[in-house]
């Protein structure tokens, strides 16, 4: 995941790599037995986002992984409800 918009933001790149690995494992495990999954990111940014499509933000990476794990779970016949709460420092930073 060496993307140019992580230049001088290596700590963000590391956080996103950890998020992807964690969620990719966590969601399929919990989704096998839970009917509802709630995910909260308390440091979602988008501090210093350089990509116009916001692919270098925590919430973008989180949603990408949650969508892909939903597909994995569907293949197992599971369909838990997934909810997300993204918290940043600015009240009106970005509305999704």
C-alpha atoms as a PDB file:
ATOM      1  CA  UNK A   1       0.000   0.000   0.000  1.00  0.00           C
ATOM      2  CA  UNK A   2       2.740   2.458  -0.927  1.00  0.00           C
ATOM      3  CA  UNK A   3       0.584   5.191  -2.350  1.00  0.00           C
ATOM      4  CA  UNK A   4       1.986   8.647  -3.118  1.00  0.00           C
ATOM      5  CA  UNK A   5      -0.509  10.430  -0.880  1.00  0.00           C
ATOM      6  CA  UNK A   6       1.120   8.846   2.194  1.00  0.00           C
ATOM      7  CA  UNK A   7       4.359  10.761   1.649  1.00  0.00           C
ATOM      8  CA  UNK A   8       5.310  12.435   4.958  1.00  0.00           C
ATOM      9  CA  UNK A   9       2.313  10.651   6.535  1.00  0.00           C
ATOM     10  CA  UNK A  10       3.887   7.257   7.134  1.00  0.00           C
ATOM     11  CA  UNK A  11       2.190   6.945  10.534  1.00  0.00           C
ATOM     12  CA  UNK A  12      -1.169   7.159   8.765  1.00  0.00           C
ATOM     13  CA  UNK A  13      -0.130   4.474   6.320  1.00  0.00           C
ATOM     14  CA  UNK A  14       0.854   2.171   9.205  1.00  0.00           C
ATOM     15  CA  UNK A  15      -2.472   2.830  10.975  1.00  0.00           C
ATOM     16  CA  UNK A  16      -4.367   1.950   7.807  1.00  0.00           C
ATOM     17  CA  UNK A  17      -2.378  -1.252   7.306  1.00  0.00           C
ATOM     18  CA  UNK A  18      -3.204  -2.291  10.877  1.00  0.00           C
ATOM     19  CA  UNK A  19      -6.886  -1.413  10.394  1.00  0.00           C
ATOM     20  CA  UNK A  20      -7.129  -3.461   7.209  1.00  0.00           C
ATOM     21  CA  UNK A  21      -5.487  -6.540   8.755  1.00  0.00           C
ATOM     22  CA  UNK A  22      -7.495  -6.271  11.975  1.00  0.00           C
ATOM     23  CA  UNK A  23     -10.905  -5.722  10.387  1.00  0.00           C
ATOM     24  CA  UNK A  24     -10.286  -8.344   7.703  1.00  0.00           C
ATOM     25  CA  UNK A  25      -9.864 -10.930  10.471  1.00  0.00           C
ATOM     26  CA  UNK A  26     -12.245  -9.526  13.100  1.00  0.00           C
ATOM     27  CA  UNK A  27     -15.411  -9.093  11.029  1.00  0.00           C
ATOM     28  CA  UNK A  28     -15.580 -12.633   9.573  1.00  0.00           C
ATOM     29  CA  UNK A  29     -14.967 -14.150  13.010  1.00  0.00           C
ATOM     30  CA  UNK A  30     -17.596 -12.064  14.792  1.00  0.00           C
ATOM     31  CA  UNK A  31     -19.967 -12.191  11.825  1.00  0.00           C
ATOM     32  CA  UNK A  32     -20.124 -15.976  12.072  1.00  0.00           C
ATOM     33  CA  UNK A  33     -22.062 -15.746  15.351  1.00  0.00           C
ATOM     34  CA  UNK A  34     -23.273 -12.144  15.740  1.00  0.00           C
ATOM     35  CA  UNK A  35     -26.327 -10.674  14.072  1.00  0.00           C
ATOM     36  CA  UNK A  36     -25.018  -7.106  14.426  1.00  0.00           C
ATOM     37  CA  UNK A  37     -21.515  -5.629  14.145  1.00  0.00           C
ATOM     38  CA  UNK A  38     -20.789  -2.088  15.316  1.00  0.00           C
ATOM     39  CA  UNK A  39     -17.432  -0.531  14.464  1.00  0.00           C
ATOM     40  CA  UNK A  40     -16.173   2.733  15.988  1.00  0.00           C
ATOM     41  CA  UNK A  41     -13.100   4.648  14.840  1.00  0.00           C
ATOM     42  CA  UNK A  42     -12.371   7.430  17.323  1.00  0.00           C
ATOM     43  CA  UNK A  43      -9.546   8.928  15.246  1.00  0.00           C
ATOM     44  CA  UNK A  44     -11.089   8.806  11.777  1.00  0.00           C
ATOM     45  CA  UNK A  45      -9.635  12.053  10.473  1.00  0.00           C
ATOM     46  CA  UNK A  46      -9.538  13.082   7.618  1.00  0.00           C
ATOM     47  CA  UNK A  47      -6.421  14.927   8.802  1.00  0.00           C
ATOM     48  CA  UNK A  48      -4.099  15.756   5.940  1.00  0.00           C
ATOM     49  CA  UNK A  49      -6.036  13.800   3.320  1.00  0.00           C
ATOM     50  CA  UNK A  50      -4.228  14.216   0.020  1.00  0.00           C
ATOM     51  CA  UNK A  51      -6.277  11.941  -2.227  1.00  0.00           C
ATOM     52  CA  UNK A  52      -9.280  13.685  -3.819  1.00  0.00           C
ATOM     53  CA  UNK A  53     -11.281  10.453  -3.414  1.00  0.00           C
ATOM     54  CA  UNK A  54     -10.281  10.282   0.302  1.00  0.00           C
ATOM     55  CA  UNK A  55      -8.710   6.807  -0.128  1.00  0.00           C
ATOM     56  CA  UNK A  56      -6.018   7.907   2.337  1.00  0.00           C
ATOM     57  CA  UNK A  57      -8.478   8.324   5.218  1.00  0.00           C
ATOM     58  CA  UNK A  58      -9.347   5.888   7.983  1.00  0.00           C
ATOM     59  CA  UNK A  59     -13.059   5.895   7.234  1.00  0.00           C
ATOM     60  CA  UNK A  60     -12.459   5.119   3.566  1.00  0.00           C
ATOM     61  CA  UNK A  61     -10.216   2.166   4.403  1.00  0.00           C
ATOM     62  CA  UNK A  62     -12.656   0.956   7.082  1.00  0.00           C
ATOM     63  CA  UNK A  63     -15.664   1.034   4.760  1.00  0.00           C
ATOM     64  CA  UNK A  64     -13.708  -0.718   2.008  1.00  0.00           C
ATOM     65  CA  UNK A  65     -12.792  -3.594   4.332  1.00  0.00           C
ATOM     66  CA  UNK A  66     -16.264  -3.819   5.876  1.00  0.00           C
ATOM     67  CA  UNK A  67     -17.810  -4.106   2.415  1.00  0.00           C
ATOM     68  CA  UNK A  68     -15.385  -6.829   1.368  1.00  0.00           C
ATOM     69  CA  UNK A  69     -15.928  -8.805   4.572  1.00  0.00           C
ATOM     70  CA  UNK A  70     -19.690  -8.540   4.073  1.00  0.00           C
ATOM     71  CA  UNK A  71     -19.150 -10.435   0.821  1.00  0.00           C
ATOM     72  CA  UNK A  72     -17.100 -13.088   2.644  1.00  0.00           C
ATOM     73  CA  UNK A  73     -19.857 -13.509   5.216  1.00  0.00           C
ATOM     74  CA  UNK A  74     -22.549 -13.686   2.539  1.00  0.00           C
ATOM     75  CA  UNK A  75     -20.646 -16.584   1.019  1.00  0.00           C
ATOM     76  CA  UNK A  76     -21.034 -18.348   4.369  1.00  0.00           C
ATOM     77  CA  UNK A  77     -24.765 -17.640   4.477  1.00  0.00           C
ATOM     78  CA  UNK A  78     -24.347 -14.900   7.115  1.00  0.00           C
ATOM     79  CA  UNK A  79     -25.665 -11.344   6.850  1.00  0.00           C
ATOM     80  CA  UNK A  80     -25.101  -9.380  10.051  1.00  0.00           C
ATOM     81  CA  UNK A  81     -26.114  -5.752  10.199  1.00  0.00           C
ATOM     82  CA  UNK A  82     -23.029  -3.527  10.095  1.00  0.00           C
ATOM     83  CA  UNK A  83     -22.951  -0.076  11.617  1.00  0.00           C
ATOM     84  CA  UNK A  84     -20.072   2.399  11.780  1.00  0.00           C
ATOM     85  CA  UNK A  85     -19.362   5.493  13.824  1.00  0.00           C
ATOM     86  CA  UNK A  86     -16.467   7.665  12.701  1.00  0.00           C
ATOM     87  CA  UNK A  87     -15.301  10.335  15.108  1.00  0.00           C
ATOM     88  CA  UNK A  88     -12.966  13.177  14.185  1.00  0.00           C
ATOM     89  CA  UNK A  89     -12.001  16.436  15.794  1.00  0.00           C
ATOM     90  CA  UNK A  90     -14.086  18.791  13.635  1.00  0.00           C
ATOM     91  CA  UNK A  91     -17.845  18.743  14.007  1.00  0.00           C
ATOM     92  CA  UNK A  92     -18.565  19.297  10.310  1.00  0.00           C
ATOM     93  CA  UNK A  93     -15.428  17.859   8.678  1.00  0.00           C
ATOM     94  CA  UNK A  94     -17.138  15.443   6.277  1.00  0.00           C
ATOM     95  CA  UNK A  95     -20.654  14.074   6.130  1.00  0.00           C
ATOM     96  CA  UNK A  96     -21.181  10.667   4.534  1.00  0.00           C
END
